[in-house]
Amino acid sequence: MNDNYTKKMLTITAICAVFIALTWGGMFSFISYQIIKSWYVGEKENDDIRKKHLQQHADEQVQYGRIIELQEEMIDILKKQEESK
């Protein structure tokens, strides 16, 4: 094979290997940081997140209930308009 071609392929392979190593290293570091952070924060924050999440669902149910009420009112108004015609 051509030495020039071999050098180019080795260079490309080395660049790809470095890129993959840095990517996996960064991902491993990020995951490790998140795990260690969760250990230090503890369960208290997780409980708060769960409570906020449940409260958000309750708030959404109230909003959906109000939307349904408004839709029923609109149906009643439209029926009254049709009856008056």
PDB file of N, CA and C in Angstrom:
ATOM      1  N   MET A   1       0.831  -1.189   0.000  1.00  0.00           N
ATOM      2  CA  MET A   1       0.000   0.000   0.000  1.00  0.00           C
ATOM      3  C   MET A   1       0.868   1.243   0.000  1.00  0.00           C
ATOM      4  N   ASN A   2       0.217   2.303  -0.356  1.00  0.00           N
ATOM      5  CA  ASN A   2       0.883   3.589  -0.400  1.00  0.00           C
ATOM      6  C   ASN A   2       1.105   4.083   1.031  1.00  0.00           C
ATOM      7  N   ASP A   3       2.332   4.526   1.328  1.00  0.00           N
ATOM      8  CA  ASP A   3       2.640   5.029   2.673  1.00  0.00           C
ATOM      9  C   ASP A   3       1.825   6.265   3.014  1.00  0.00           C
ATOM     10  N   ASN A   4       1.578   7.120   2.034  1.00  0.00           N
ATOM     11  CA  ASN A   4       0.809   8.337   2.259  1.00  0.00           C
ATOM     12  C   ASN A   4      -0.621   7.979   2.667  1.00  0.00           C
ATOM     13  N   TYR A   5      -1.203   7.005   1.971  1.00  0.00           N
ATOM     14  CA  TYR A   5      -2.564   6.553   2.282  1.00  0.00           C
ATOM     15  C   TYR A   5      -2.616   5.958   3.690  1.00  0.00           C
ATOM     16  N   THR A   6      -1.627   5.167   4.039  1.00  0.00           N
ATOM     17  CA  THR A   6      -1.568   4.535   5.356  1.00  0.00           C
ATOM     18  C   THR A   6      -1.473   5.581   6.452  1.00  0.00           C
ATOM     19  N   LYS A   7      -0.662   6.608   6.251  1.00  0.00           N
ATOM     20  CA  LYS A   7      -0.531   7.678   7.248  1.00  0.00           C
ATOM     21  C   LYS A   7      -1.849   8.427   7.420  1.00  0.00           C
ATOM     22  N   LYS A   8      -2.538   8.688   6.296  1.00  0.00           N
ATOM     23  CA  LYS A   8      -3.829   9.384   6.382  1.00  0.00           C
ATOM     24  C   LYS A   8      -4.844   8.545   7.151  1.00  0.00           C
ATOM     25  N   MET A   9      -4.884   7.255   6.854  1.00  0.00           N
ATOM     26  CA  MET A   9      -5.835   6.380   7.536  1.00  0.00           C
ATOM     27  C   MET A   9      -5.510   6.271   9.024  1.00  0.00           C
ATOM     28  N   LEU A  10      -4.239   6.195   9.363  1.00  0.00           N
ATOM     29  CA  LEU A  10      -3.847   6.150  10.770  1.00  0.00           C
ATOM     30  C   LEU A  10      -4.213   7.450  11.479  1.00  0.00           C
ATOM     31  N   THR A  11      -4.034   8.578  10.784  1.00  0.00           N
ATOM     32  CA  THR A  11      -4.397   9.870  11.359  1.00  0.00           C
ATOM     33  C   THR A  11      -5.897   9.938  11.607  1.00  0.00           C
ATOM     34  N   ILE A  12      -6.686   9.527  10.630  1.00  0.00           N
ATOM     35  CA  ILE A  12      -8.146   9.542  10.781  1.00  0.00           C
ATOM     36  C   ILE A  12      -8.570   8.600  11.903  1.00  0.00           C
ATOM     37  N   THR A  13      -7.967   7.427  11.963  1.00  0.00           N
ATOM     38  CA  THR A  13      -8.290   6.465  13.016  1.00  0.00           C
ATOM     39  C   THR A  13      -7.932   7.029  14.388  1.00  0.00           C
ATOM     40  N   ALA A  14      -6.781   7.683  14.488  1.00  0.00           N
ATOM     41  CA  ALA A  14      -6.363   8.269  15.762  1.00  0.00           C
ATOM     42  C   ALA A  14      -7.314   9.384  16.183  1.00  0.00           C
ATOM     43  N   ILE A  15      -7.724  10.225  15.231  1.00  0.00           N
ATOM     44  CA  ILE A  15      -8.656  11.315  15.542  1.00  0.00           C
ATOM     45  C   ILE A  15      -9.988  10.745  16.021  1.00  0.00           C
ATOM     46  N   CYS A  16     -10.477   9.722  15.339  1.00  0.00           N
ATOM     47  CA  CYS A  16     -11.739   9.091  15.752  1.00  0.00           C
ATOM     48  C   CYS A  16     -11.611   8.459  17.134  1.00  0.00           C
ATOM     49  N   ALA A  17     -10.487   7.805  17.397  1.00  0.00           N
ATOM     50  CA  ALA A  17     -10.281   7.170  18.699  1.00  0.00           C
ATOM     51  C   ALA A  17     -10.256   8.211  19.814  1.00  0.00           C
ATOM     52  N   VAL A  18      -9.577   9.332  19.573  1.00  0.00           N
ATOM     53  CA  VAL A  18      -9.526  10.405  20.572  1.00  0.00           C
ATOM     54  C   VAL A  18     -10.920  10.988  20.783  1.00  0.00           C
ATOM     55  N   PHE A  19     -11.650  11.207  19.704  1.00  0.00           N
ATOM     56  CA  PHE A  19     -13.006  11.754  19.813  1.00  0.00           C
ATOM     57  C   PHE A  19     -13.906  10.826  20.627  1.00  0.00           C
ATOM     58  N   ILE A  20     -13.851   9.533  20.325  1.00  0.00           N
ATOM     59  CA  ILE A  20     -14.673   8.563  21.050  1.00  0.00           C
ATOM     60  C   ILE A  20     -14.263   8.503  22.519  1.00  0.00           C
ATOM     61  N   ALA A  21     -12.968   8.521  22.782  1.00  0.00           N
ATOM     62  CA  ALA A  21     -12.494   8.476  24.167  1.00  0.00           C
ATOM     63  C   ALA A  21     -12.962   9.705  24.944  1.00  0.00           C
ATOM     64  N   LEU A  22     -12.870  10.879  24.329  1.00  0.00           N
ATOM     65  CA  LEU A  22     -13.319  12.099  25.007  1.00  0.00           C
ATOM     66  C   LEU A  22     -14.827  12.095  25.224  1.00  0.00           C
ATOM     67  N   THR A  23     -15.567  11.619  24.239  1.00  0.00           N
ATOM     68  CA  THR A  23     -17.024  11.575  24.363  1.00  0.00           C
ATOM     69  C   THR A  23     -17.439  10.643  25.489  1.00  0.00           C
ATOM     70  N   TRP A  24     -16.893   9.435  25.503  1.00  0.00           N
ATOM     71  CA  TRP A  24     -17.242   8.486  26.558  1.00  0.00           C
ATOM     72  C   TRP A  24     -16.748   8.968  27.915  1.00  0.00           C
ATOM     73  N   GLY A  25     -15.580   9.582  27.936  1.00  0.00           N
ATOM     74  CA  GLY A  25     -15.067  10.128  29.196  1.00  0.00           C
ATOM     75  C   GLY A  25     -15.961  11.227  29.733  1.00  0.00           C
ATOM     76  N   GLY A  26     -16.404  12.100  28.839  1.00  0.00           N
ATOM     77  CA  GLY A  26     -17.308  13.173  29.256  1.00  0.00           C
ATOM     78  C   GLY A  26     -18.631  12.632  29.747  1.00  0.00           C
ATOM     79  N   MET A  27     -19.166  11.646  29.049  1.00  0.00           N
ATOM     80  CA  MET A  27     -20.438  11.055  29.463  1.00  0.00           C
ATOM     81  C   MET A  27     -20.288  10.360  30.822  1.00  0.00           C
ATOM     82  N   PHE A  28     -19.212   9.620  31.009  1.00  0.00           N
ATOM     83  CA  PHE A  28     -18.967   8.954  32.287  1.00  0.00           C
ATOM     84  C   PHE A  28     -18.820   9.978  33.405  1.00  0.00           C
ATOM     85  N   SER A  29     -18.106  11.069  33.138  1.00  0.00           N
ATOM     86  CA  SER A  29     -17.932  12.111  34.150  1.00  0.00           C
ATOM     87  C   SER A  29     -19.263  12.753  34.511  1.00  0.00           C
ATOM     88  N   PHE A  30     -20.094  13.030  33.520  1.00  0.00           N
ATOM     89  CA  PHE A  30     -21.390  13.652  33.772  1.00  0.00           C
ATOM     90  C   PHE A  30     -22.282  12.733  34.601  1.00  0.00           C
ATOM     91  N   ILE A  31     -22.333  11.455  34.235  1.00  0.00           N
ATOM     92  CA  ILE A  31     -23.159  10.506  34.982  1.00  0.00           C
ATOM     93  C   ILE A  31     -22.639  10.362  36.409  1.00  0.00           C
ATOM     94  N   SER A  32     -21.328  10.283  36.570  1.00  0.00           N
ATOM     95  CA  SER A  32     -20.749  10.180  37.908  1.00  0.00           C
ATOM     96  C   SER A  32     -21.085  11.408  38.737  1.00  0.00           C
ATOM     97  N   TYR A  33     -20.987  12.583  38.131  1.00  0.00           N
ATOM     98  CA  TYR A  33     -21.315  13.826  38.835  1.00  0.00           C
ATOM     99  C   TYR A  33     -22.767  13.819  39.293  1.00  0.00           C
ATOM    100  N   GLN A  34     -23.679  13.385  38.427  1.00  0.00           N
ATOM    101  CA  GLN A  34     -25.099  13.362  38.787  1.00  0.00           C
ATOM    102  C   GLN A  34     -25.363  12.378  39.925  1.00  0.00           C
ATOM    103  N   ILE A  35     -24.709  11.230  39.909  1.00  0.00           N
ATOM    104  CA  ILE A  35     -24.899  10.239  40.973  1.00  0.00           C
ATOM    105  C   ILE A  35     -24.369  10.774  42.293  1.00  0.00           C
ATOM    106  N   ILE A  36     -23.162  11.329  42.277  1.00  0.00           N
ATOM    107  CA  ILE A  36     -22.577  11.867  43.506  1.00  0.00           C
ATOM    108  C   ILE A  36     -23.404  13.037  44.021  1.00  0.00           C
ATOM    109  N   LYS A  37     -23.868  13.881  43.122  1.00  0.00           N
ATOM    110  CA  LYS A  37     -24.713  15.012  43.516  1.00  0.00           C
ATOM    111  C   LYS A  37     -25.990  14.519  44.184  1.00  0.00           C
ATOM    112  N   SER A  38     -26.601  13.467  43.633  1.00  0.00           N
ATOM    113  CA  SER A  38     -27.836  12.950  44.231  1.00  0.00           C
ATOM    114  C   SER A  38     -27.565  12.347  45.607  1.00  0.00           C
ATOM    115  N   TRP A  39     -26.385  11.775  45.818  1.00  0.00           N
ATOM    116  CA  TRP A  39     -26.056  11.239  47.134  1.00  0.00           C
ATOM    117  C   TRP A  39     -25.940  12.356  48.160  1.00  0.00           C
ATOM    118  N   TYR A  40     -25.306  13.460  47.778  1.00  0.00           N
ATOM    119  CA  TYR A  40     -25.122  14.564  48.715  1.00  0.00           C
ATOM    120  C   TYR A  40     -26.421  15.308  48.980  1.00  0.00           C
ATOM    121  N   VAL A  41     -27.269  15.439  47.987  1.00  0.00           N
ATOM    122  CA  VAL A  41     -28.528  16.161  48.168  1.00  0.00           C
ATOM    123  C   VAL A  41     -29.456  15.351  49.057  1.00  0.00           C
ATOM    124  N   GLY A  42     -29.515  14.066  48.850  1.00  0.00           N
ATOM    125  CA  GLY A  42     -30.313  13.204  49.700  1.00  0.00           C
ATOM    126  C   GLY A  42     -31.756  13.105  49.271  1.00  0.00           C
ATOM    127  N   GLU A  43     -32.534  12.486  50.148  1.00  0.00           N
ATOM    128  CA  GLU A  43     -33.932  12.206  49.839  1.00  0.00           C
ATOM    129  C   GLU A  43     -34.829  13.415  50.027  1.00  0.00           C
ATOM    130  N   LYS A  44     -34.399  14.386  50.814  1.00  0.00           N
ATOM    131  CA  LYS A  44     -35.271  15.522  51.101  1.00  0.00           C
ATOM    132  C   LYS A  44     -35.682  16.240  49.825  1.00  0.00           C
ATOM    133  N   GLU A  45     -34.733  16.513  48.958  1.00  0.00           N
ATOM    134  CA  GLU A  45     -35.059  17.208  47.713  1.00  0.00           C
ATOM    135  C   GLU A  45     -35.924  16.323  46.822  1.00  0.00           C
ATOM    136  N   ASN A  46     -35.636  15.017  46.815  1.00  0.00           N
ATOM    137  CA  ASN A  46     -36.437  14.113  45.993  1.00  0.00           C
ATOM    138  C   ASN A  46     -37.886  14.092  46.459  1.00  0.00           C
ATOM    139  N   ASP A  47     -38.095  14.132  47.781  1.00  0.00           N
ATOM    140  CA  ASP A  47     -39.461  14.187  48.292  1.00  0.00           C
ATOM    141  C   ASP A  47     -40.146  15.454  47.821  1.00  0.00           C
ATOM    142  N   ASP A  48     -39.424  16.575  47.865  1.00  0.00           N
ATOM    143  CA  ASP A  48     -40.005  17.834  47.415  1.00  0.00           C
ATOM    144  C   ASP A  48     -40.380  17.760  45.941  1.00  0.00           C
ATOM    145  N   ILE A  49     -39.535  17.140  45.148  1.00  0.00           N
ATOM    146  CA  ILE A  49     -39.814  17.025  43.718  1.00  0.00           C
ATOM    147  C   ILE A  49     -41.067  16.180  43.510  1.00  0.00           C
ATOM    148  N   ARG A  50     -41.177  15.094  44.272  1.00  0.00           N
ATOM    149  CA  ARG A  50     -42.366  14.247  44.144  1.00  0.00           C
ATOM    150  C   ARG A  50     -43.620  15.007  44.547  1.00  0.00           C
ATOM    151  N   LYS A  51     -43.520  15.773  45.650  1.00  0.00           N
ATOM    152  CA  LYS A  51     -44.676  16.553  46.104  1.00  0.00           C
ATOM    153  C   LYS A  51     -45.065  17.603  45.071  1.00  0.00           C
ATOM    154  N   LYS A  52     -44.065  18.266  44.506  1.00  0.00           N
ATOM    155  CA  LYS A  52     -44.352  19.264  43.472  1.00  0.00           C
ATOM    156  C   LYS A  52     -45.010  18.612  42.267  1.00  0.00           C
ATOM    157  N   HIS A  53     -44.526  17.437  41.908  1.00  0.00           N
ATOM    158  CA  HIS A  53     -45.074  16.724  40.756  1.00  0.00           C
ATOM    159  C   HIS A  53     -46.534  16.342  41.007  1.00  0.00           C
ATOM    160  N   LEU A  54     -46.808  15.816  42.201  1.00  0.00           N
ATOM    161  CA  LEU A  54     -48.187  15.452  42.538  1.00  0.00           C
ATOM    162  C   LEU A  54     -49.081  16.680  42.602  1.00  0.00           C
ATOM    163  N   GLN A  55     -48.545  17.786  43.141  1.00  0.00           N
ATOM    164  CA  GLN A  55     -49.323  19.021  43.199  1.00  0.00           C
ATOM    165  C   GLN A  55     -49.612  19.535  41.796  1.00  0.00           C
ATOM    166  N   GLN A  56     -48.651  19.390  40.911  1.00  0.00           N
ATOM    167  CA  GLN A  56     -48.853  19.817  39.529  1.00  0.00           C
ATOM    168  C   GLN A  56     -49.988  19.020  38.888  1.00  0.00           C
ATOM    169  N   HIS A  57     -50.023  17.710  39.158  1.00  0.00           N
ATOM    170  CA  HIS A  57     -51.118  16.903  38.616  1.00  0.00           C
ATOM    171  C   HIS A  57     -52.459  17.351  39.178  1.00  0.00           C
ATOM    172  N   ALA A  58     -52.488  17.658  40.470  1.00  0.00           N
ATOM    173  CA  ALA A  58     -53.735  18.120  41.080  1.00  0.00           C
ATOM    174  C   ALA A  58     -54.177  19.440  40.453  1.00  0.00           C
ATOM    175  N   ASP A  59     -53.225  20.350  40.248  1.00  0.00           N
ATOM    176  CA  ASP A  59     -53.544  21.635  39.614  1.00  0.00           C
ATOM    177  C   ASP A  59     -54.074  21.428  38.198  1.00  0.00           C
ATOM    178  N   GLU A  60     -53.456  20.502  37.476  1.00  0.00           N
ATOM    179  CA  GLU A  60     -53.912  20.227  36.112  1.00  0.00           C
ATOM    180  C   GLU A  60     -55.331  19.674  36.115  1.00  0.00           C
ATOM    181  N   GLN A  61     -55.645  18.811  37.078  1.00  0.00           N
ATOM    182  CA  GLN A  61     -56.997  18.255  37.153  1.00  0.00           C
ATOM    183  C   GLN A  61     -58.024  19.353  37.408  1.00  0.00           C
ATOM    184  N   VAL A  62     -57.667  20.318  38.265  1.00  0.00           N
ATOM    185  CA  VAL A  62     -58.565  21.447  38.518  1.00  0.00           C
ATOM    186  C   VAL A  62     -58.765  22.244  37.236  1.00  0.00           C
ATOM    187  N   GLN A  63     -57.681  22.487  36.512  1.00  0.00           N
ATOM    188  CA  GLN A  63     -57.781  23.243  35.265  1.00  0.00           C
ATOM    189  C   GLN A  63     -58.618  22.485  34.235  1.00  0.00           C
ATOM    190  N   TYR A  64     -58.412  21.170  34.129  1.00  0.00           N
ATOM    191  CA  TYR A  64     -59.204  20.380  33.184  1.00  0.00           C
ATOM    192  C   TYR A  64     -60.677  20.397  33.573  1.00  0.00           C
ATOM    193  N   GLY A  65     -60.938  20.326  34.873  1.00  0.00           N
ATOM    194  CA  GLY A  65     -62.319  20.402  35.336  1.00  0.00           C
ATOM    195  C   GLY A  65     -62.963  21.719  34.950  1.00  0.00           C
ATOM    196  N   ARG A  66     -62.221  22.794  35.086  1.00  0.00           N
ATOM    197  CA  ARG A  66     -62.741  24.119  34.714  1.00  0.00           C
ATOM    198  C   ARG A  66     -62.974  24.203  33.205  1.00  0.00           C
ATOM    199  N   ILE A  67     -62.096  23.631  32.419  1.00  0.00           N
ATOM    200  CA  ILE A  67     -62.267  23.630  30.961  1.00  0.00           C
ATOM    201  C   ILE A  67     -63.536  22.872  30.588  1.00  0.00           C
ATOM    202  N   ILE A  68     -63.765  21.740  31.239  1.00  0.00           N
ATOM    203  CA  ILE A  68     -64.970  20.953  30.952  1.00  0.00           C
ATOM    204  C   ILE A  68     -66.219  21.750  31.316  1.00  0.00           C
ATOM    205  N   GLU A  69     -66.182  22.437  32.460  1.00  0.00           N
ATOM    206  CA  GLU A  69     -67.325  23.269  32.854  1.00  0.00           C
ATOM    207  C   GLU A  69     -67.601  24.350  31.816  1.00  0.00           C
ATOM    208  N   LEU A  70     -66.548  24.998  31.346  1.00  0.00           N
ATOM    209  CA  LEU A  70     -66.719  26.053  30.343  1.00  0.00           C
ATOM    210  C   LEU A  70     -67.273  25.485  29.038  1.00  0.00           C
ATOM    211  N   GLN A  71     -66.809  24.297  28.652  1.00  0.00           N
ATOM    212  CA  GLN A  71     -67.332  23.679  27.435  1.00  0.00           C
ATOM    213  C   GLN A  71     -68.815  23.340  27.584  1.00  0.00           C
ATOM    214  N   GLU A  72     -69.201  22.854  28.753  1.00  0.00           N
ATOM    215  CA  GLU A  72     -70.615  22.560  28.991  1.00  0.00           C
ATOM    216  C   GLU A  72     -71.454  23.833  28.938  1.00  0.00           C
ATOM    217  N   GLU A  73     -70.920  24.924  29.497  1.00  0.00           N
ATOM    218  CA  GLU A  73     -71.624  26.205  29.426  1.00  0.00           C
ATOM    219  C   GLU A  73     -71.776  26.661  27.977  1.00  0.00           C
ATOM    220  N   MET A  74     -70.719  26.474  27.178  1.00  0.00           N
ATOM    221  CA  MET A  74     -70.793  26.860  25.768  1.00  0.00           C
ATOM    222  C   MET A  74     -71.850  26.026  25.038  1.00  0.00           C
ATOM    223  N   ILE A  75     -71.926  24.738  25.346  1.00  0.00           N
ATOM    224  CA  ILE A  75     -72.933  23.875  24.714  1.00  0.00           C
ATOM    225  C   ILE A  75     -74.331  24.348  25.078  1.00  0.00           C
ATOM    226  N   ASP A  76     -74.529  24.686  26.361  1.00  0.00           N
ATOM    227  CA  ASP A  76     -75.842  25.190  26.791  1.00  0.00           C
ATOM    228  C   ASP A  76     -76.201  26.477  26.065  1.00  0.00           C
ATOM    229  N   ILE A  77     -75.231  27.377  25.938  1.00  0.00           N
ATOM    230  CA  ILE A  77     -75.478  28.651  25.247  1.00  0.00           C
ATOM    231  C   ILE A  77     -75.835  28.393  23.785  1.00  0.00           C
ATOM    232  N   LEU A  78     -75.096  27.508  23.121  1.00  0.00           N
ATOM    233  CA  LEU A  78     -75.380  27.200  21.714  1.00  0.00           C
ATOM    234  C   LEU A  78     -76.753  26.548  21.557  1.00  0.00           C
ATOM    235  N   LYS A  79     -77.125  25.668  22.482  1.00  0.00           N
ATOM    236  CA  LYS A  79     -78.453  25.045  22.418  1.00  0.00           C
ATOM    237  C   LYS A  79     -79.548  26.090  22.578  1.00  0.00           C
ATOM    238  N   LYS A  80     -79.353  27.037  23.502  1.00  0.00           N
ATOM    239  CA  LYS A  80     -80.337  28.101  23.711  1.00  0.00           C
ATOM    240  C   LYS A  80     -80.465  28.970  22.470  1.00  0.00           C
ATOM    241  N   GLN A  81     -79.323  29.240  21.811  1.00  0.00           N
ATOM    242  CA  GLN A  81     -79.357  30.050  20.589  1.00  0.00           C
ATOM    243  C   GLN A  81     -80.109  29.315  19.485  1.00  0.00           C
ATOM    244  N   GLU A  82     -79.911  28.007  19.357  1.00  0.00           N
ATOM    245  CA  GLU A  82     -80.604  27.229  18.328  1.00  0.00           C
ATOM    246  C   GLU A  82     -82.100  27.145  18.623  1.00  0.00           C
ATOM    247  N   GLU A  83     -82.452  27.033  19.897  1.00  0.00           N
ATOM    248  CA  GLU A  83     -83.862  26.955  20.274  1.00  0.00           C
ATOM    249  C   GLU A  83     -84.584  28.275  20.019  1.00  0.00           C
ATOM    250  N   SER A  84     -83.860  29.376  20.185  1.00  0.00           N
ATOM    251  CA  SER A  84     -84.486  30.692  19.999  1.00  0.00           C
ATOM    252  C   SER A  84     -84.693  31.021  18.521  1.00  0.00           C
ATOM    253  N   LYS A  85     -84.061  30.291  17.625  1.00  0.00           N
ATOM    254  CA  LYS A  85     -84.206  30.566  16.187  1.00  0.00           C
ATOM    255  C   LYS A  85     -85.504  30.112  15.679  1.00  0.00           C
TER     256      LYS A  85
END
